[in-house]
N, C-alpha and C. Protein backbone atom coordinates (compact mmCIF):
# COMPACT_ATOMS: atom_id res chain seq x y z
N MET A 1 109.67 101.66 92.96
CA MET A 1 109.23 101.10 94.21
C MET A 1 107.93 101.79 94.61
N LEU A 2 106.96 100.98 94.98
CA LEU A 2 105.67 101.52 95.42
C LEU A 2 105.65 101.70 96.93
N GLN A 3 104.89 102.68 97.35
CA GLN A 3 104.70 102.95 98.77
C GLN A 3 103.20 103.14 99.00
N PHE A 4 102.62 102.31 99.85
CA PHE A 4 101.20 102.42 100.19
C PHE A 4 101.11 103.18 101.51
N ASP A 5 100.54 104.37 101.47
CA ASP A 5 100.43 105.24 102.63
C ASP A 5 99.01 105.11 103.20
N PRO A 6 98.85 104.38 104.32
CA PRO A 6 97.50 104.15 104.86
C PRO A 6 96.83 105.45 105.30
N GLN A 7 95.55 105.55 105.00
CA GLN A 7 94.76 106.73 105.35
C GLN A 7 93.71 106.40 106.40
N VAL A 8 93.61 105.13 106.80
CA VAL A 8 92.70 104.69 107.84
C VAL A 8 93.54 103.99 108.90
N HIS A 9 93.39 104.40 110.16
CA HIS A 9 94.15 103.76 111.23
C HIS A 9 93.54 102.41 111.56
N ILE A 10 94.39 101.39 111.55
CA ILE A 10 93.98 100.04 111.94
C ILE A 10 94.76 99.67 113.20
N ASP A 11 94.05 99.34 114.25
CA ASP A 11 94.68 98.96 115.50
C ASP A 11 95.17 97.53 115.39
N SER A 12 96.38 97.36 114.88
CA SER A 12 96.91 96.01 114.67
C SER A 12 97.40 95.35 115.96
N ASP A 13 97.49 96.12 117.03
CA ASP A 13 97.94 95.57 118.31
C ASP A 13 96.78 95.11 119.18
N ASN A 14 95.56 95.18 118.65
CA ASN A 14 94.39 94.79 119.42
C ASN A 14 94.44 93.29 119.70
N LYS A 15 94.51 92.94 120.97
CA LYS A 15 94.61 91.52 121.35
C LYS A 15 93.25 90.94 121.71
N VAL A 16 92.21 91.77 121.71
CA VAL A 16 90.89 91.31 122.13
C VAL A 16 90.04 90.88 120.94
N LYS A 17 90.09 91.63 119.85
CA LYS A 17 89.23 91.37 118.70
C LYS A 17 89.97 90.65 117.59
N TYR A 18 89.27 89.82 116.88
CA TYR A 18 89.77 89.16 115.68
C TYR A 18 90.05 90.24 114.63
N PHE A 19 91.18 90.16 113.92
CA PHE A 19 91.59 91.23 113.01
C PHE A 19 90.51 91.55 111.97
N ASN A 20 89.78 90.56 111.49
CA ASN A 20 88.72 90.83 110.51
C ASN A 20 87.62 91.72 111.11
N ASP A 21 87.36 91.57 112.41
CA ASP A 21 86.38 92.44 113.07
C ASP A 21 86.91 93.88 113.13
N VAL A 22 88.19 94.03 113.42
CA VAL A 22 88.79 95.36 113.47
C VAL A 22 88.69 96.02 112.09
N ILE A 23 89.04 95.28 111.05
CA ILE A 23 88.96 95.81 109.67
C ILE A 23 87.53 96.21 109.33
N SER A 24 86.58 95.34 109.60
CA SER A 24 85.19 95.64 109.21
C SER A 24 84.63 96.83 109.99
N GLU A 25 85.16 97.09 111.18
CA GLU A 25 84.72 98.26 111.94
C GLU A 25 85.31 99.56 111.40
N GLN A 26 86.46 99.49 110.74
CA GLN A 26 87.12 100.68 110.22
C GLN A 26 86.73 101.01 108.78
N PHE A 27 86.52 99.99 107.97
CA PHE A 27 86.18 100.19 106.56
C PHE A 27 84.66 100.15 106.44
N THR A 28 84.04 101.29 106.65
CA THR A 28 82.58 101.33 106.80
C THR A 28 81.86 102.13 105.73
N GLN A 29 82.58 102.79 104.84
CA GLN A 29 81.95 103.72 103.92
C GLN A 29 82.23 103.40 102.46
N THR A 30 81.35 103.86 101.61
CA THR A 30 81.62 103.87 100.17
C THR A 30 82.51 105.08 99.90
N ASN A 31 83.43 104.93 98.97
CA ASN A 31 84.37 105.99 98.59
C ASN A 31 85.27 106.42 99.74
N GLN A 32 85.58 105.50 100.63
CA GLN A 32 86.50 105.79 101.73
C GLN A 32 87.93 105.64 101.22
N LEU A 33 88.75 106.67 101.42
CA LEU A 33 90.15 106.62 101.01
C LEU A 33 90.90 105.70 101.97
N LEU A 34 91.43 104.60 101.44
CA LEU A 34 92.14 103.63 102.27
C LEU A 34 93.65 103.85 102.21
N PHE A 35 94.18 104.06 101.01
CA PHE A 35 95.62 104.26 100.82
C PHE A 35 95.86 105.29 99.73
N ASN A 36 96.90 106.11 99.90
CA ASN A 36 97.48 106.84 98.80
C ASN A 36 98.60 105.95 98.27
N VAL A 37 98.71 105.82 96.96
CA VAL A 37 99.74 104.99 96.35
C VAL A 37 100.79 105.93 95.76
N ASN A 38 102.01 105.78 96.25
CA ASN A 38 103.12 106.62 95.81
C ASN A 38 104.18 105.76 95.17
N ALA A 39 105.04 106.38 94.36
CA ALA A 39 106.11 105.63 93.70
C ALA A 39 107.38 106.48 93.65
N PHE A 40 108.49 105.79 93.76
CA PHE A 40 109.79 106.40 93.54
C PHE A 40 110.24 105.99 92.15
N LYS A 41 110.75 106.95 91.39
CA LYS A 41 111.17 106.65 90.02
C LYS A 41 112.44 105.81 90.00
N THR A 42 113.36 106.13 90.91
CA THR A 42 114.63 105.41 90.96
C THR A 42 114.97 105.05 92.39
N GLY A 43 115.88 104.11 92.54
CA GLY A 43 116.38 103.76 93.86
C GLY A 43 117.11 104.92 94.51
N LYS A 44 117.80 105.72 93.73
CA LYS A 44 118.50 106.89 94.26
C LYS A 44 117.51 107.87 94.89
N ASP A 45 116.37 108.08 94.24
CA ASP A 45 115.35 108.95 94.82
C ASP A 45 114.92 108.44 96.20
N PHE A 46 114.74 107.14 96.30
CA PHE A 46 114.33 106.52 97.56
C PHE A 46 115.41 106.70 98.63
N LYS A 47 116.64 106.33 98.30
CA LYS A 47 117.74 106.37 99.27
C LYS A 47 118.06 107.79 99.69
N ASP A 48 117.94 108.76 98.77
CA ASP A 48 118.25 110.15 99.08
C ASP A 48 117.15 110.84 99.87
N GLY A 49 116.04 110.15 100.10
CA GLY A 49 114.95 110.73 100.87
C GLY A 49 114.07 111.68 100.08
N ASN A 50 114.16 111.62 98.76
CA ASN A 50 113.30 112.46 97.92
C ASN A 50 111.84 112.02 98.07
N ALA A 51 110.95 112.96 97.94
CA ALA A 51 109.52 112.65 98.08
C ALA A 51 109.07 111.79 96.90
N PRO A 52 108.24 110.78 97.19
CA PRO A 52 107.68 109.99 96.09
C PRO A 52 106.59 110.79 95.36
N VAL A 53 106.22 110.28 94.20
CA VAL A 53 105.15 110.89 93.41
C VAL A 53 103.87 110.09 93.64
N GLN A 54 102.77 110.77 93.93
CA GLN A 54 101.50 110.06 94.09
C GLN A 54 101.01 109.61 92.72
N ILE A 55 100.77 108.30 92.59
CA ILE A 55 100.33 107.75 91.30
C ILE A 55 98.91 107.20 91.36
N GLY A 56 98.33 107.15 92.55
CA GLY A 56 96.97 106.64 92.64
C GLY A 56 96.46 106.60 94.06
N LYS A 57 95.25 106.07 94.19
CA LYS A 57 94.59 105.93 95.48
C LYS A 57 93.85 104.61 95.49
N VAL A 58 93.74 104.02 96.67
CA VAL A 58 92.88 102.85 96.86
C VAL A 58 91.66 103.36 97.61
N ILE A 59 90.50 103.25 96.97
CA ILE A 59 89.25 103.78 97.51
C ILE A 59 88.23 102.65 97.57
N SER A 60 87.53 102.56 98.69
CA SER A 60 86.54 101.49 98.85
C SER A 60 85.33 101.72 97.94
N GLN A 61 84.73 100.62 97.54
CA GLN A 61 83.48 100.68 96.78
C GLN A 61 82.29 100.41 97.68
N GLY A 62 82.57 100.18 98.93
CA GLY A 62 81.52 99.92 99.91
C GLY A 62 82.15 99.50 101.22
N ALA A 63 81.33 99.23 102.20
CA ALA A 63 81.83 98.79 103.50
C ALA A 63 82.47 97.41 103.38
N ALA A 64 83.42 97.12 104.27
CA ALA A 64 84.03 95.80 104.30
C ALA A 64 82.98 94.75 104.65
N VAL A 65 83.10 93.59 104.04
CA VAL A 65 82.18 92.50 104.29
C VAL A 65 82.99 91.29 104.76
N LYS A 66 82.64 90.76 105.92
CA LYS A 66 83.31 89.56 106.39
C LYS A 66 82.71 88.36 105.66
N SER A 67 83.58 87.45 105.28
CA SER A 67 83.12 86.30 104.50
C SER A 67 84.00 85.10 104.81
N LEU A 68 83.38 83.99 105.16
CA LEU A 68 84.12 82.76 105.39
C LEU A 68 84.79 82.30 104.10
N TYR A 69 84.13 82.53 102.95
CA TYR A 69 84.72 82.14 101.66
C TYR A 69 86.06 82.83 101.47
N THR A 70 86.13 84.15 101.68
CA THR A 70 87.39 84.84 101.46
C THR A 70 88.43 84.45 102.50
N ASP A 71 88.00 84.19 103.74
CA ASP A 71 88.95 83.73 104.75
C ASP A 71 89.60 82.42 104.35
N ALA A 72 88.83 81.54 103.74
CA ALA A 72 89.31 80.20 103.42
C ALA A 72 89.90 80.08 102.01
N LYS A 73 89.46 80.91 101.06
CA LYS A 73 89.82 80.68 99.66
C LYS A 73 90.67 81.77 99.01
N VAL A 74 90.69 82.97 99.55
CA VAL A 74 91.39 84.07 98.90
C VAL A 74 92.71 84.33 99.63
N MET A 75 93.79 84.40 98.86
CA MET A 75 95.08 84.69 99.46
C MET A 75 95.86 85.62 98.55
N PHE A 76 96.50 86.61 99.12
CA PHE A 76 97.38 87.48 98.37
C PHE A 76 98.81 87.13 98.77
N SER A 77 99.67 87.15 97.81
CA SER A 77 101.04 86.74 98.06
C SER A 77 101.99 87.80 97.51
N HIS A 78 103.16 87.87 98.10
CA HIS A 78 104.20 88.75 97.60
C HIS A 78 105.50 87.98 97.63
N ASN A 79 106.32 88.20 96.62
CA ASN A 79 107.64 87.57 96.60
C ASN A 79 108.50 88.14 97.71
N TYR A 80 109.49 87.36 98.11
CA TYR A 80 110.52 87.91 98.97
C TYR A 80 111.25 89.00 98.19
N TYR A 81 111.82 89.93 98.92
CA TYR A 81 112.45 91.09 98.29
C TYR A 81 113.58 90.68 97.35
N GLU A 82 114.27 89.58 97.64
CA GLU A 82 115.36 89.14 96.78
C GLU A 82 114.87 88.85 95.36
N LYS A 83 113.62 88.42 95.22
CA LYS A 83 113.05 88.18 93.89
C LYS A 83 112.78 89.51 93.17
N ASP A 84 112.36 90.53 93.93
CA ASP A 84 112.16 91.85 93.33
C ASP A 84 113.48 92.39 92.80
N ILE A 85 114.56 92.17 93.55
CA ILE A 85 115.88 92.65 93.12
C ILE A 85 116.35 91.89 91.88
N GLU A 86 115.98 90.63 91.74
CA GLU A 86 116.32 89.89 90.52
C GLU A 86 115.69 90.56 89.30
N VAL A 87 114.47 91.06 89.45
CA VAL A 87 113.77 91.72 88.34
C VAL A 87 114.36 93.11 88.09
N HIS A 88 114.70 93.82 89.17
CA HIS A 88 115.26 95.19 89.06
C HIS A 88 116.57 95.27 89.83
N PRO A 89 117.64 94.68 89.29
CA PRO A 89 118.92 94.66 90.02
C PRO A 89 119.50 96.06 90.27
N GLU A 90 119.07 97.03 89.50
CA GLU A 90 119.58 98.40 89.69
C GLU A 90 119.17 98.99 91.03
N TRP A 91 118.19 98.38 91.70
CA TRP A 91 117.73 98.88 93.01
C TRP A 91 118.57 98.33 94.16
N ASP A 92 119.35 97.31 93.92
CA ASP A 92 120.04 96.60 95.00
C ASP A 92 120.87 97.50 95.89
N GLU A 93 121.61 98.43 95.31
CA GLU A 93 122.49 99.28 96.12
C GLU A 93 121.72 100.32 96.94
N TYR A 94 120.44 100.48 96.68
CA TYR A 94 119.66 101.54 97.34
C TYR A 94 118.75 101.05 98.46
N VAL A 95 118.67 99.76 98.66
CA VAL A 95 117.77 99.23 99.69
C VAL A 95 118.57 98.55 100.79
N ASP A 96 118.03 98.59 101.99
CA ASP A 96 118.64 97.89 103.11
C ASP A 96 118.31 96.42 102.98
N HIS A 97 119.22 95.59 103.47
CA HIS A 97 119.02 94.15 103.42
C HIS A 97 119.04 93.60 104.84
N CYS A 98 118.48 92.43 104.99
CA CYS A 98 118.54 91.75 106.27
C CYS A 98 118.73 90.27 106.00
N ALA A 99 119.12 89.55 106.99
CA ALA A 99 119.28 88.10 106.85
C ALA A 99 118.60 87.44 108.03
N VAL A 100 117.69 86.56 107.76
CA VAL A 100 117.05 85.74 108.78
C VAL A 100 117.15 84.30 108.30
N PRO A 101 117.04 83.34 109.17
CA PRO A 101 117.29 81.95 108.77
C PRO A 101 116.53 81.47 107.54
N HIS A 102 115.27 81.86 107.37
CA HIS A 102 114.49 81.36 106.24
C HIS A 102 114.60 82.25 105.01
N LEU A 103 115.36 83.35 105.10
CA LEU A 103 115.46 84.28 103.98
C LEU A 103 116.89 84.78 103.91
N MET A 104 117.63 84.29 102.98
CA MET A 104 119.02 84.69 102.88
C MET A 104 119.17 85.75 101.79
N VAL A 105 119.46 86.96 102.20
CA VAL A 105 119.72 88.05 101.27
C VAL A 105 121.04 88.69 101.67
N GLY A 106 121.66 89.41 100.75
CA GLY A 106 122.96 90.01 101.02
C GLY A 106 122.93 91.03 102.12
N GLY A 107 124.00 91.06 102.93
CA GLY A 107 124.14 92.08 103.96
C GLY A 107 123.22 91.85 105.14
N THR A 108 123.31 92.75 106.10
CA THR A 108 122.45 92.68 107.27
C THR A 108 122.03 94.08 107.66
N ALA A 109 120.99 94.19 108.39
CA ALA A 109 120.53 95.46 108.92
C ALA A 109 120.40 95.30 110.42
N PRO A 110 120.78 96.31 111.20
CA PRO A 110 120.66 96.18 112.66
C PRO A 110 119.20 96.17 113.09
N GLY A 111 118.93 95.50 114.21
CA GLY A 111 117.58 95.51 114.76
C GLY A 111 116.62 94.68 113.95
N LYS A 112 115.39 95.15 113.86
CA LYS A 112 114.35 94.42 113.17
C LYS A 112 114.53 94.49 111.65
N CYS A 113 114.28 93.42 110.99
CA CYS A 113 114.38 93.37 109.53
C CYS A 113 113.46 94.43 108.92
N PRO A 114 113.94 95.25 107.99
CA PRO A 114 113.10 96.31 107.41
C PRO A 114 111.97 95.78 106.55
N PHE A 115 111.99 94.51 106.24
CA PHE A 115 110.95 93.95 105.38
C PHE A 115 109.93 93.13 106.15
N GLY A 116 109.96 93.20 107.46
CA GLY A 116 108.94 92.58 108.28
C GLY A 116 109.05 91.09 108.45
N PHE A 117 110.21 90.50 108.20
CA PHE A 117 110.34 89.06 108.34
C PHE A 117 110.79 88.64 109.73
N GLY A 118 110.88 89.58 110.65
CA GLY A 118 111.20 89.26 112.01
C GLY A 118 112.46 89.93 112.49
N ALA A 119 112.72 89.79 113.77
CA ALA A 119 113.89 90.41 114.37
C ALA A 119 115.13 89.60 114.02
N LEU A 120 116.25 90.28 113.94
CA LEU A 120 117.51 89.59 113.69
C LEU A 120 118.09 89.07 114.97
C-alpha cells in the first residue's frame, strides 16, 4: 500500500479562489518537494501501525502552469478500493471498509468513509 505524504500545504477549504489558482500559488519552484512516497510491505504492517518505508519523492520540475488543455483533456483515475482488494486479496483483513449507495464493499466503518467517498 502506498502512502503519499504531502510536503506542501494546500488550502482545500478555500471558498474564494478556484482550486487551480490555489495550486499554482503553492507550486512555485523548481525542485520543490511535493510528496514523500511511502509504502507498507504488508497489510499487517499497516494495521499494526508500523512505520512505512520511504520509497521515493515527488519533486516538481518547475512551477505549476495553468492550462485550459489540461483542465479539459487530462484526467487521472483510480479504481474503487474493492478493485484493489481483488488484485491483492491478502490485504482485505487489514483495511477498514465502508458502504455507501454507489459503492458496495464489505463491512462498514463509523462516521465518514475512510476512502473519501462521503459520509455514511
